[in-house]
Amino acid sequence: MVYAHHFHTDEWPAYLGHLLVETKRHTPDFADLTAGESQAIGRLITRLSKALKACAGAEKVYVLHRLRYLELSASTRSAAHPATSSAPTAPSAGCPY
C-alpha cells in the first residue's frame, strides 16, 4: 500500500536520513487516499521517524508533500546542526537496523 526508500538523484547530494514515502497507487494529494492508505502512511511515518532518531541521530524529522502526486519527503536535522539552518543534515554513520 505504501513504501519508503532512500532519496537519490544525480542533481542533489544524498545523505543519511533523507527518505521518500509513496503510495503504490499514485494519488494527487491526501484527499484522494483511501482510509487504509491514510492509516498506512501515518504508521510508516511514525516508524521511520523513530528509526531516524535512533539510527541517524536525528533531533527533528521533517515531512513535506512534494511533486504532482502524493510523495512525502522525510529528512532530518541532527542535534549538532543549528535549528536556524535551512539545510537538513544527518551523520553518515551506519544504522544497526
PDB file of N, CA and C in Angstrom:
ATOM      1  N   MET A   1       0.809  -1.187   0.000  1.00  0.00           N
ATOM      2  CA  MET A   1       0.000   0.000   0.000  1.00  0.00           C
ATOM      3  C   MET A   1       0.867   1.272   0.000  1.00  0.00           C
ATOM      4  N   VAL A   2       1.864   1.319   0.871  1.00  0.00           N
ATOM      5  CA  VAL A   2       2.824   2.428   0.898  1.00  0.00           C
ATOM      6  C   VAL A   2       4.224   1.845   1.053  1.00  0.00           C
ATOM      7  N   TYR A   3       5.225   2.606   0.640  1.00  0.00           N
ATOM      8  CA  TYR A   3       6.596   2.149   0.792  1.00  0.00           C
ATOM      9  C   TYR A   3       7.511   3.347   0.989  1.00  0.00           C
ATOM     10  N   ALA A   4       8.696   3.078   1.494  1.00  0.00           N
ATOM     11  CA  ALA A   4       9.704   4.116   1.716  1.00  0.00           C
ATOM     12  C   ALA A   4      11.002   3.680   1.063  1.00  0.00           C
ATOM     13  N   HIS A   5      11.771   4.664   0.609  1.00  0.00           N
ATOM     14  CA  HIS A   5      13.081   4.387   0.027  1.00  0.00           C
ATOM     15  C   HIS A   5      13.969   5.600   0.223  1.00  0.00           C
ATOM     16  N   HIS A   6      15.271   5.390   0.107  1.00  0.00           N
ATOM     17  CA  HIS A   6      16.217   6.496   0.237  1.00  0.00           C
ATOM     18  C   HIS A   6      16.072   7.443  -0.943  1.00  0.00           C
ATOM     19  N   PHE A   7      16.154   8.726  -0.657  1.00  0.00           N
ATOM     20  CA  PHE A   7      16.118   9.736  -1.703  1.00  0.00           C
ATOM     21  C   PHE A   7      17.455   9.724  -2.428  1.00  0.00           C
ATOM     22  N   HIS A   8      17.414   9.705  -3.749  1.00  0.00           N
ATOM     23  CA  HIS A   8      18.643   9.772  -4.523  1.00  0.00           C
ATOM     24  C   HIS A   8      18.351  10.408  -5.875  1.00  0.00           C
ATOM     25  N   THR A   9      19.178  11.337  -6.244  1.00  0.00           N
ATOM     26  CA  THR A   9      19.130  11.943  -7.570  1.00  0.00           C
ATOM     27  C   THR A   9      20.537  12.411  -7.910  1.00  0.00           C
ATOM     28  N   ASP A  10      20.845  12.468  -9.159  1.00  0.00           N
ATOM     29  CA  ASP A  10      22.165  12.949  -9.566  1.00  0.00           C
ATOM     30  C   ASP A  10      22.301  14.457  -9.378  1.00  0.00           C
ATOM     31  N   GLU A  11      21.177  15.148  -9.210  1.00  0.00           N
ATOM     32  CA  GLU A  11      21.195  16.603  -9.076  1.00  0.00           C
ATOM     33  C   GLU A  11      21.488  17.081  -7.655  1.00  0.00           C
ATOM     34  N   TRP A  12      21.221  16.242  -6.660  1.00  0.00           N
ATOM     35  CA  TRP A  12      21.390  16.637  -5.262  1.00  0.00           C
ATOM     36  C   TRP A  12      22.222  15.598  -4.535  1.00  0.00           C
ATOM     37  N   PRO A  13      23.037  16.005  -3.578  1.00  0.00           N
ATOM     38  CA  PRO A  13      23.799  15.022  -2.807  1.00  0.00           C
ATOM     39  C   PRO A  13      22.879  14.219  -1.892  1.00  0.00           C
ATOM     40  N   ALA A  14      23.156  12.949  -1.773  1.00  0.00           N
ATOM     41  CA  ALA A  14      22.388  12.089  -0.878  1.00  0.00           C
ATOM     42  C   ALA A  14      22.986  12.173   0.524  1.00  0.00           C
ATOM     43  N   TYR A  15      22.153  12.017   1.522  1.00  0.00           N
ATOM     44  CA  TYR A  15      22.659  11.965   2.887  1.00  0.00           C
ATOM     45  C   TYR A  15      21.802  11.027   3.715  1.00  0.00           C
ATOM     46  N   LEU A  16      22.402  10.507   4.752  1.00  0.00           N
ATOM     47  CA  LEU A  16      21.722   9.577   5.644  1.00  0.00           C
ATOM     48  C   LEU A  16      20.507  10.257   6.254  1.00  0.00           C
ATOM     49  N   GLY A  17      19.363   9.636   6.133  1.00  0.00           N
ATOM     50  CA  GLY A  17      18.168  10.166   6.767  1.00  0.00           C
ATOM     51  C   GLY A  17      17.209  10.872   5.840  1.00  0.00           C
ATOM     52  N   HIS A  18      17.491  10.934   4.544  1.00  0.00           N
ATOM     53  CA  HIS A  18      16.547  11.559   3.606  1.00  0.00           C
ATOM     54  C   HIS A  18      15.800  10.448   2.886  1.00  0.00           C
ATOM     55  N   LEU A  19      14.531  10.312   3.202  1.00  0.00           N
ATOM     56  CA  LEU A  19      13.714   9.225   2.680  1.00  0.00           C
ATOM     57  C   LEU A  19      12.508   9.762   1.933  1.00  0.00           C
ATOM     58  N   LEU A  20      11.968   8.957   1.040  1.00  0.00           N
ATOM     59  CA  LEU A  20      10.717   9.271   0.371  1.00  0.00           C
ATOM     60  C   LEU A  20       9.690   8.217   0.758  1.00  0.00           C
ATOM     61  N   VAL A  21       8.482   8.664   1.013  1.00  0.00           N
ATOM     62  CA  VAL A  21       7.363   7.777   1.312  1.00  0.00           C
ATOM     63  C   VAL A  21       6.338   7.983   0.207  1.00  0.00           C
ATOM     64  N   GLU A  22       5.921   6.893  -0.424  1.00  0.00           N
ATOM     65  CA  GLU A  22       4.982   6.989  -1.535  1.00  0.00           C
ATOM     66  C   GLU A  22       3.892   5.932  -1.402  1.00  0.00           C
ATOM     67  N   THR A  23       2.757   6.227  -1.970  1.00  0.00           N
ATOM     68  CA  THR A  23       1.723   5.211  -2.099  1.00  0.00           C
ATOM     69  C   THR A  23       1.997   4.431  -3.380  1.00  0.00           C
ATOM     70  N   LYS A  24       1.689   3.170  -3.369  1.00  0.00           N
ATOM     71  CA  LYS A  24       1.867   2.375  -4.585  1.00  0.00           C
ATOM     72  C   LYS A  24       0.903   2.835  -5.666  1.00  0.00           C
ATOM     73  N   ARG A  25      -0.277   3.278  -5.253  1.00  0.00           N
ATOM     74  CA  ARG A  25      -1.262   3.850  -6.169  1.00  0.00           C
ATOM     75  C   ARG A  25      -1.035   5.359  -6.149  1.00  0.00           C
ATOM     76  N   HIS A  26      -0.595   5.922  -7.247  1.00  0.00           N
ATOM     77  CA  HIS A  26      -0.297   7.359  -7.272  1.00  0.00           C
ATOM     78  C   HIS A  26      -1.573   8.180  -7.166  1.00  0.00           C
ATOM     79  N   THR A  27      -1.594   9.079  -6.202  1.00  0.00           N
ATOM     80  CA  THR A  27      -2.724   9.980  -5.989  1.00  0.00           C
ATOM     81  C   THR A  27      -2.205  11.409  -5.929  1.00  0.00           C
ATOM     82  N   PRO A  28      -3.017  12.387  -6.324  1.00  0.00           N
ATOM     83  CA  PRO A  28      -2.534  13.770  -6.350  1.00  0.00           C
ATOM     84  C   PRO A  28      -2.315  14.373  -4.961  1.00  0.00           C
ATOM     85  N   ASP A  29      -3.120  13.982  -3.975  1.00  0.00           N
ATOM     86  CA  ASP A  29      -2.948  14.571  -2.640  1.00  0.00           C
ATOM     87  C   ASP A  29      -3.640  13.709  -1.588  1.00  0.00           C
ATOM     88  N   PHE A  30      -3.630  14.179  -0.369  1.00  0.00           N
ATOM     89  CA  PHE A  30      -4.189  13.427   0.753  1.00  0.00           C
ATOM     90  C   PHE A  30      -5.683  13.156   0.602  1.00  0.00           C
ATOM     91  N   ALA A  31      -6.407  14.055  -0.014  1.00  0.00           N
ATOM     92  CA  ALA A  31      -7.861  13.903  -0.147  1.00  0.00           C
ATOM     93  C   ALA A  31      -8.237  12.671  -0.958  1.00  0.00           C
ATOM     94  N   ASP A  32      -7.349  12.184  -1.792  1.00  0.00           N
ATOM     95  CA  ASP A  32      -7.635  11.038  -2.651  1.00  0.00           C
ATOM     96  C   ASP A  32      -7.228   9.696  -2.041  1.00  0.00           C
ATOM     97  N   LEU A  33      -6.689   9.716  -0.840  1.00  0.00           N
ATOM     98  CA  LEU A  33      -6.274   8.469  -0.195  1.00  0.00           C
ATOM     99  C   LEU A  33      -7.469   7.699   0.333  1.00  0.00           C
ATOM    100  N   THR A  34      -7.360   6.380   0.308  1.00  0.00           N
ATOM    101  CA  THR A  34      -8.347   5.550   0.995  1.00  0.00           C
ATOM    102  C   THR A  34      -8.036   5.609   2.490  1.00  0.00           C
ATOM    103  N   ALA A  35      -8.975   5.159   3.304  1.00  0.00           N
ATOM    104  CA  ALA A  35      -8.741   5.134   4.756  1.00  0.00           C
ATOM    105  C   ALA A  35      -7.530   4.248   5.081  1.00  0.00           C
ATOM    106  N   GLY A  36      -7.418   3.117   4.390  1.00  0.00           N
ATOM    107  CA  GLY A  36      -6.289   2.212   4.619  1.00  0.00           C
ATOM    108  C   GLY A  36      -4.955   2.833   4.249  1.00  0.00           C
ATOM    109  N   GLU A  37      -4.912   3.532   3.110  1.00  0.00           N
ATOM    110  CA  GLU A  37      -3.676   4.199   2.689  1.00  0.00           C
ATOM    111  C   GLU A  37      -3.286   5.284   3.683  1.00  0.00           C
ATOM    112  N   SER A  38      -4.264   6.039   4.131  1.00  0.00           N
ATOM    113  CA  SER A  38      -4.008   7.108   5.094  1.00  0.00           C
ATOM    114  C   SER A  38      -3.430   6.552   6.398  1.00  0.00           C
ATOM    115  N   GLN A  39      -4.018   5.486   6.889  1.00  0.00           N
ATOM    116  CA  GLN A  39      -3.526   4.853   8.112  1.00  0.00           C
ATOM    117  C   GLN A  39      -2.127   4.278   7.905  1.00  0.00           C
ATOM    118  N   ALA A  40      -1.899   3.659   6.765  1.00  0.00           N
ATOM    119  CA  ALA A  40      -0.580   3.069   6.482  1.00  0.00           C
ATOM    120  C   ALA A  40       0.499   4.142   6.405  1.00  0.00           C
ATOM    121  N   ILE A  41       0.186   5.288   5.803  1.00  0.00           N
ATOM    122  CA  ILE A  41       1.154   6.389   5.748  1.00  0.00           C
ATOM    123  C   ILE A  41       1.470   6.884   7.148  1.00  0.00           C
ATOM    124  N   GLY A  42       0.454   7.078   7.957  1.00  0.00           N
ATOM    125  CA  GLY A  42       0.674   7.538   9.326  1.00  0.00           C
ATOM    126  C   GLY A  42       1.549   6.589  10.130  1.00  0.00           C
ATOM    127  N   ARG A  43       1.264   5.296  10.022  1.00  0.00           N
ATOM    128  CA  ARG A  43       2.078   4.297  10.739  1.00  0.00           C
ATOM    129  C   ARG A  43       3.516   4.292  10.234  1.00  0.00           C
ATOM    130  N   LEU A  44       3.688   4.361   8.903  1.00  0.00           N
ATOM    131  CA  LEU A  44       5.032   4.323   8.326  1.00  0.00           C
ATOM    132  C   LEU A  44       5.836   5.559   8.715  1.00  0.00           C
ATOM    133  N   ILE A  45       5.229   6.739   8.643  1.00  0.00           N
ATOM    134  CA  ILE A  45       5.931   7.971   9.035  1.00  0.00           C
ATOM    135  C   ILE A  45       6.354   7.898  10.496  1.00  0.00           C
ATOM    136  N   THR A  46       5.485   7.384  11.359  1.00  0.00           N
ATOM    137  CA  THR A  46       5.826   7.253  12.782  1.00  0.00           C
ATOM    138  C   THR A  46       7.009   6.304  12.970  1.00  0.00           C
ATOM    139  N   ARG A  47       6.978   5.153  12.304  1.00  0.00           N
ATOM    140  CA  ARG A  47       8.074   4.178  12.432  1.00  0.00           C
ATOM    141  C   ARG A  47       9.378   4.727  11.869  1.00  0.00           C
ATOM    142  N   LEU A  48       9.301   5.387  10.709  1.00  0.00           N
ATOM    143  CA  LEU A  48      10.513   5.957  10.117  1.00  0.00           C
ATOM    144  C   LEU A  48      11.089   7.062  10.981  1.00  0.00           C
ATOM    145  N   SER A  49      10.239   7.891  11.553  1.00  0.00           N
ATOM    146  CA  SER A  49      10.721   8.974  12.420  1.00  0.00           C
ATOM    147  C   SER A  49      11.469   8.412  13.620  1.00  0.00           C
ATOM    148  N   LYS A  50      10.911   7.380  14.231  1.00  0.00           N
ATOM    149  CA  LYS A  50      11.585   6.743  15.371  1.00  0.00           C
ATOM    150  C   LYS A  50      12.918   6.125  14.942  1.00  0.00           C
ATOM    151  N   ALA A  51      12.938   5.470  13.787  1.00  0.00           N
ATOM    152  CA  ALA A  51      14.178   4.857  13.295  1.00  0.00           C
ATOM    153  C   ALA A  51      15.218   5.913  12.960  1.00  0.00           C
ATOM    154  N   LEU A  52      14.817   7.017  12.351  1.00  0.00           N
ATOM    155  CA  LEU A  52      15.762   8.083  12.013  1.00  0.00           C
ATOM    156  C   LEU A  52      16.357   8.714  13.267  1.00  0.00           C
ATOM    157  N   LYS A  53      15.564   8.841  14.303  1.00  0.00           N
ATOM    158  CA  LYS A  53      16.087   9.388  15.558  1.00  0.00           C
ATOM    159  C   LYS A  53      17.073   8.408  16.199  1.00  0.00           C
ATOM    160  N   ALA A  54      16.750   7.118  16.149  1.00  0.00           N
ATOM    161  CA  ALA A  54      17.620   6.113  16.765  1.00  0.00           C
ATOM    162  C   ALA A  54      18.870   5.841  15.938  1.00  0.00           C
ATOM    163  N   CYS A  55      18.740   5.789  14.608  1.00  0.00           N
ATOM    164  CA  CYS A  55      19.840   5.359  13.746  1.00  0.00           C
ATOM    165  C   CYS A  55      20.661   6.488  13.151  1.00  0.00           C
ATOM    166  N   ALA A  56      20.024   7.594  12.844  1.00  0.00           N
ATOM    167  CA  ALA A  56      20.716   8.688  12.163  1.00  0.00           C
ATOM    168  C   ALA A  56      21.010   9.842  13.105  1.00  0.00           C
ATOM    169  N   GLY A  57      20.658   9.712  14.368  1.00  0.00           N
ATOM    170  CA  GLY A  57      20.909  10.777  15.326  1.00  0.00           C
ATOM    171  C   GLY A  57      20.058  12.012  15.087  1.00  0.00           C
ATOM    172  N   ALA A  58      18.907  11.834  14.457  1.00  0.00           N
ATOM    173  CA  ALA A  58      18.052  12.980  14.141  1.00  0.00           C
ATOM    174  C   ALA A  58      17.453  13.561  15.414  1.00  0.00           C
ATOM    175  N   GLU A  59      17.517  14.858  15.529  1.00  0.00           N
ATOM    176  CA  GLU A  59      16.828  15.548  16.613  1.00  0.00           C
ATOM    177  C   GLU A  59      15.405  15.871  16.179  1.00  0.00           C
ATOM    178  N   LYS A  60      15.248  16.147  14.900  1.00  0.00           N
ATOM    179  CA  LYS A  60      13.956  16.534  14.333  1.00  0.00           C
ATOM    180  C   LYS A  60      13.806  15.849  12.981  1.00  0.00           C
ATOM    181  N   VAL A  61      12.599  15.373  12.670  1.00  0.00           N
ATOM    182  CA  VAL A  61      12.306  14.780  11.367  1.00  0.00           C
ATOM    183  C   VAL A  61      11.229  15.635  10.712  1.00  0.00           C
ATOM    184  N   TYR A  62      11.515  16.104   9.521  1.00  0.00           N
ATOM    185  CA  TYR A  62      10.585  16.937   8.768  1.00  0.00           C
ATOM    186  C   TYR A  62       9.935  16.095   7.681  1.00  0.00           C
ATOM    187  N   VAL A  63       8.633  16.278   7.462  1.00  0.00           N
ATOM    188  CA  VAL A  63       7.919  15.572   6.405  1.00  0.00           C
ATOM    189  C   VAL A  63       7.231  16.609   5.531  1.00  0.00           C
ATOM    190  N   LEU A  64       7.523  16.556   4.238  1.00  0.00           N
ATOM    191  CA  LEU A  64       6.985  17.520   3.276  1.00  0.00           C
ATOM    192  C   LEU A  64       6.267  16.805   2.150  1.00  0.00           C
ATOM    193  N   HIS A  65       5.203  17.390   1.643  1.00  0.00           N
ATOM    194  CA  HIS A  65       4.496  16.870   0.471  1.00  0.00           C
ATOM    195  C   HIS A  65       5.171  17.457  -0.750  1.00  0.00           C
ATOM    196  N   ARG A  66       5.498  16.616  -1.725  1.00  0.00           N
ATOM    197  CA  ARG A  66       6.257  17.053  -2.899  1.00  0.00           C
ATOM    198  C   ARG A  66       5.570  16.645  -4.194  1.00  0.00           C
ATOM    199  N   LEU A  67       5.968  17.259  -5.255  1.00  0.00           N
ATOM    200  CA  LEU A  67       5.646  16.870  -6.631  1.00  0.00           C
ATOM    201  C   LEU A  67       4.162  16.872  -6.980  1.00  0.00           C
ATOM    202  N   ARG A  68       3.847  16.283  -8.131  1.00  0.00           N
ATOM    203  CA  ARG A  68       2.484  16.310  -8.665  1.00  0.00           C
ATOM    204  C   ARG A  68       1.592  15.213  -8.098  1.00  0.00           C
ATOM    205  N   TYR A  69       2.157  14.244  -7.451  1.00  0.00           N
ATOM    206  CA  TYR A  69       1.362  13.207  -6.806  1.00  0.00           C
ATOM    207  C   TYR A  69       1.840  13.081  -5.377  1.00  0.00           C
ATOM    208  N   LEU A  70       1.145  12.318  -4.587  1.00  0.00           N
ATOM    209  CA  LEU A  70       1.460  12.231  -3.168  1.00  0.00           C
ATOM    210  C   LEU A  70       2.781  11.501  -2.961  1.00  0.00           C
ATOM    211  N   GLU A  71       3.792  12.246  -2.601  1.00  0.00           N
ATOM    212  CA  GLU A  71       5.122  11.729  -2.275  1.00  0.00           C
ATOM    213  C   GLU A  71       5.605  12.557  -1.102  1.00  0.00           C
ATOM    214  N   LEU A  72       5.893  11.915   0.003  1.00  0.00           N
ATOM    215  CA  LEU A  72       6.330  12.618   1.194  1.00  0.00           C
ATOM    216  C   LEU A  72       7.835  12.484   1.341  1.00  0.00           C
ATOM    217  N   SER A  73       8.489  13.590   1.565  1.00  0.00           N
ATOM    218  CA  SER A  73       9.929  13.609   1.771  1.00  0.00           C
ATOM    219  C   SER A  73      10.190  13.742   3.259  1.00  0.00           C
ATOM    220  N   ALA A  74      10.862  12.770   3.833  1.00  0.00           N
ATOM    221  CA  ALA A  74      11.235  12.822   5.251  1.00  0.00           C
ATOM    222  C   ALA A  74      12.726  13.103   5.330  1.00  0.00           C
ATOM    223  N   SER A  75      13.096  14.177   5.983  1.00  0.00           N
ATOM    224  CA  SER A  75      14.506  14.496   6.146  1.00  0.00           C
ATOM    225  C   SER A  75      14.767  14.864   7.596  1.00  0.00           C
ATOM    226  N   THR A  76      16.023  14.868   7.971  1.00  0.00           N
ATOM    227  CA  THR A  76      16.392  15.012   9.373  1.00  0.00           C
ATOM    228  C   THR A  76      17.235  16.248   9.633  1.00  0.00           C
ATOM    229  N   ARG A  77      17.262  16.623  10.901  1.00  0.00           N
ATOM    230  CA  ARG A  77      18.227  17.616  11.385  1.00  0.00           C
ATOM    231  C   ARG A  77      18.871  16.997  12.608  1.00  0.00           C
ATOM    232  N   SER A  78      20.195  16.888  12.583  1.00  0.00           N
ATOM    233  CA  SER A  78      20.896  16.277  13.706  1.00  0.00           C
ATOM    234  C   SER A  78      21.010  17.269  14.854  1.00  0.00           C
ATOM    235  N   ALA A  79      21.272  16.763  16.041  1.00  0.00           N
ATOM    236  CA  ALA A  79      21.411  17.614  17.218  1.00  0.00           C
ATOM    237  C   ALA A  79      22.577  18.582  17.069  1.00  0.00           C
ATOM    238  N   ALA A  80      23.596  18.214  16.281  1.00  0.00           N
ATOM    239  CA  ALA A  80      24.771  19.062  16.089  1.00  0.00           C
ATOM    240  C   ALA A  80      24.532  20.187  15.087  1.00  0.00           C
ATOM    241  N   HIS A  81      23.418  20.126  14.350  1.00  0.00           N
ATOM    242  CA  HIS A  81      23.129  21.117  13.312  1.00  0.00           C
ATOM    243  C   HIS A  81      22.230  22.208  13.879  1.00  0.00           C
ATOM    244  N   PRO A  82      22.544  23.462  13.658  1.00  0.00           N
ATOM    245  CA  PRO A  82      21.722  24.543  14.216  1.00  0.00           C
ATOM    246  C   PRO A  82      20.279  24.492  13.727  1.00  0.00           C
ATOM    247  N   ALA A  83      19.345  24.728  14.623  1.00  0.00           N
ATOM    248  CA  ALA A  83      17.925  24.711  14.280  1.00  0.00           C
ATOM    249  C   ALA A  83      17.557  25.842  13.332  1.00  0.00           C
ATOM    250  N   THR A  84      18.365  26.877  13.261  1.00  0.00           N
ATOM    251  CA  THR A  84      18.056  28.021  12.409  1.00  0.00           C
ATOM    252  C   THR A  84      18.496  27.817  10.972  1.00  0.00           C
ATOM    253  N   SER A  85      19.244  26.753  10.691  1.00  0.00           N
ATOM    254  CA  SER A  85      19.712  26.499   9.337  1.00  0.00           C
ATOM    255  C   SER A  85      18.619  25.832   8.514  1.00  0.00           C
ATOM    256  N   SER A  86      18.590  26.129   7.228  1.00  0.00           N
ATOM    257  CA  SER A  86      17.580  25.523   6.366  1.00  0.00           C
ATOM    258  C   SER A  86      18.033  24.198   5.774  1.00  0.00           C
ATOM    259  N   ALA A  87      19.294  23.852   5.890  1.00  0.00           N
ATOM    260  CA  ALA A  87      19.822  22.619   5.291  1.00  0.00           C
ATOM    261  C   ALA A  87      19.772  21.475   6.296  1.00  0.00           C
ATOM    262  N   PRO A  88      18.978  20.422   6.040  1.00  0.00           N
ATOM    263  CA  PRO A  88      18.963  19.295   6.947  1.00  0.00           C
ATOM    264  C   PRO A  88      20.226  18.471   6.828  1.00  0.00           C
ATOM    265  N   THR A  89      20.677  17.894   7.904  1.00  0.00           N
ATOM    266  CA  THR A  89      21.859  17.048   7.869  1.00  0.00           C
ATOM    267  C   THR A  89      21.681  15.877   8.811  1.00  0.00           C
ATOM    268  N   ALA A  90      22.430  14.845   8.592  1.00  0.00           N
ATOM    269  CA  ALA A  90      22.487  13.700   9.481  1.00  0.00           C
ATOM    270  C   ALA A  90      23.876  13.119   9.375  1.00  0.00           C
ATOM    271  N   PRO A  91      24.370  12.528  10.451  1.00  0.00           N
ATOM    272  CA  PRO A  91      25.698  11.907  10.375  1.00  0.00           C
ATOM    273  C   PRO A  91      25.713  10.765   9.371  1.00  0.00           C
ATOM    274  N   SER A  92      26.885  10.410   8.903  1.00  0.00           N
ATOM    275  CA  SER A  92      26.982   9.364   7.890  1.00  0.00           C
ATOM    276  C   SER A  92      27.201   7.979   8.489  1.00  0.00           C
ATOM    277  N   ALA A  93      27.080   7.843   9.802  1.00  0.00           N
ATOM    278  CA  ALA A  93      27.282   6.549  10.441  1.00  0.00           C
ATOM    279  C   ALA A  93      26.193   5.568  10.028  1.00  0.00           C
ATOM    280  N   GLY A  94      26.525   4.281  10.023  1.00  0.00           N
ATOM    281  CA  GLY A  94      25.563   3.258   9.636  1.00  0.00           C
ATOM    282  C   GLY A  94      24.506   3.038  10.686  1.00  0.00           C
ATOM    283  N   CYS A  95      23.436   2.402  10.297  1.00  0.00           N
ATOM    284  CA  CYS A  95      22.330   2.098  11.186  1.00  0.00           C
ATOM    285  C   CYS A  95      22.316   0.604  11.472  1.00  0.00           C
ATOM    286  N   PRO A  96      22.103   0.201  12.725  1.00  0.00           N
ATOM    287  CA  PRO A  96      22.113  -1.226  13.051  1.00  0.00           C
ATOM    288  C   PRO A  96      20.878  -1.966  12.561  1.00  0.00           C
ATOM    289  N   TYR A  97      19.862  -1.310  12.038  1.00  0.00           N
ATOM    290  CA  TYR A  97      18.644  -1.968  11.605  1.00  0.00           C
ATOM    291  C   TYR A  97      18.832  -2.631  10.267  1.00  0.00           C
TER     292      TYR A  97
END
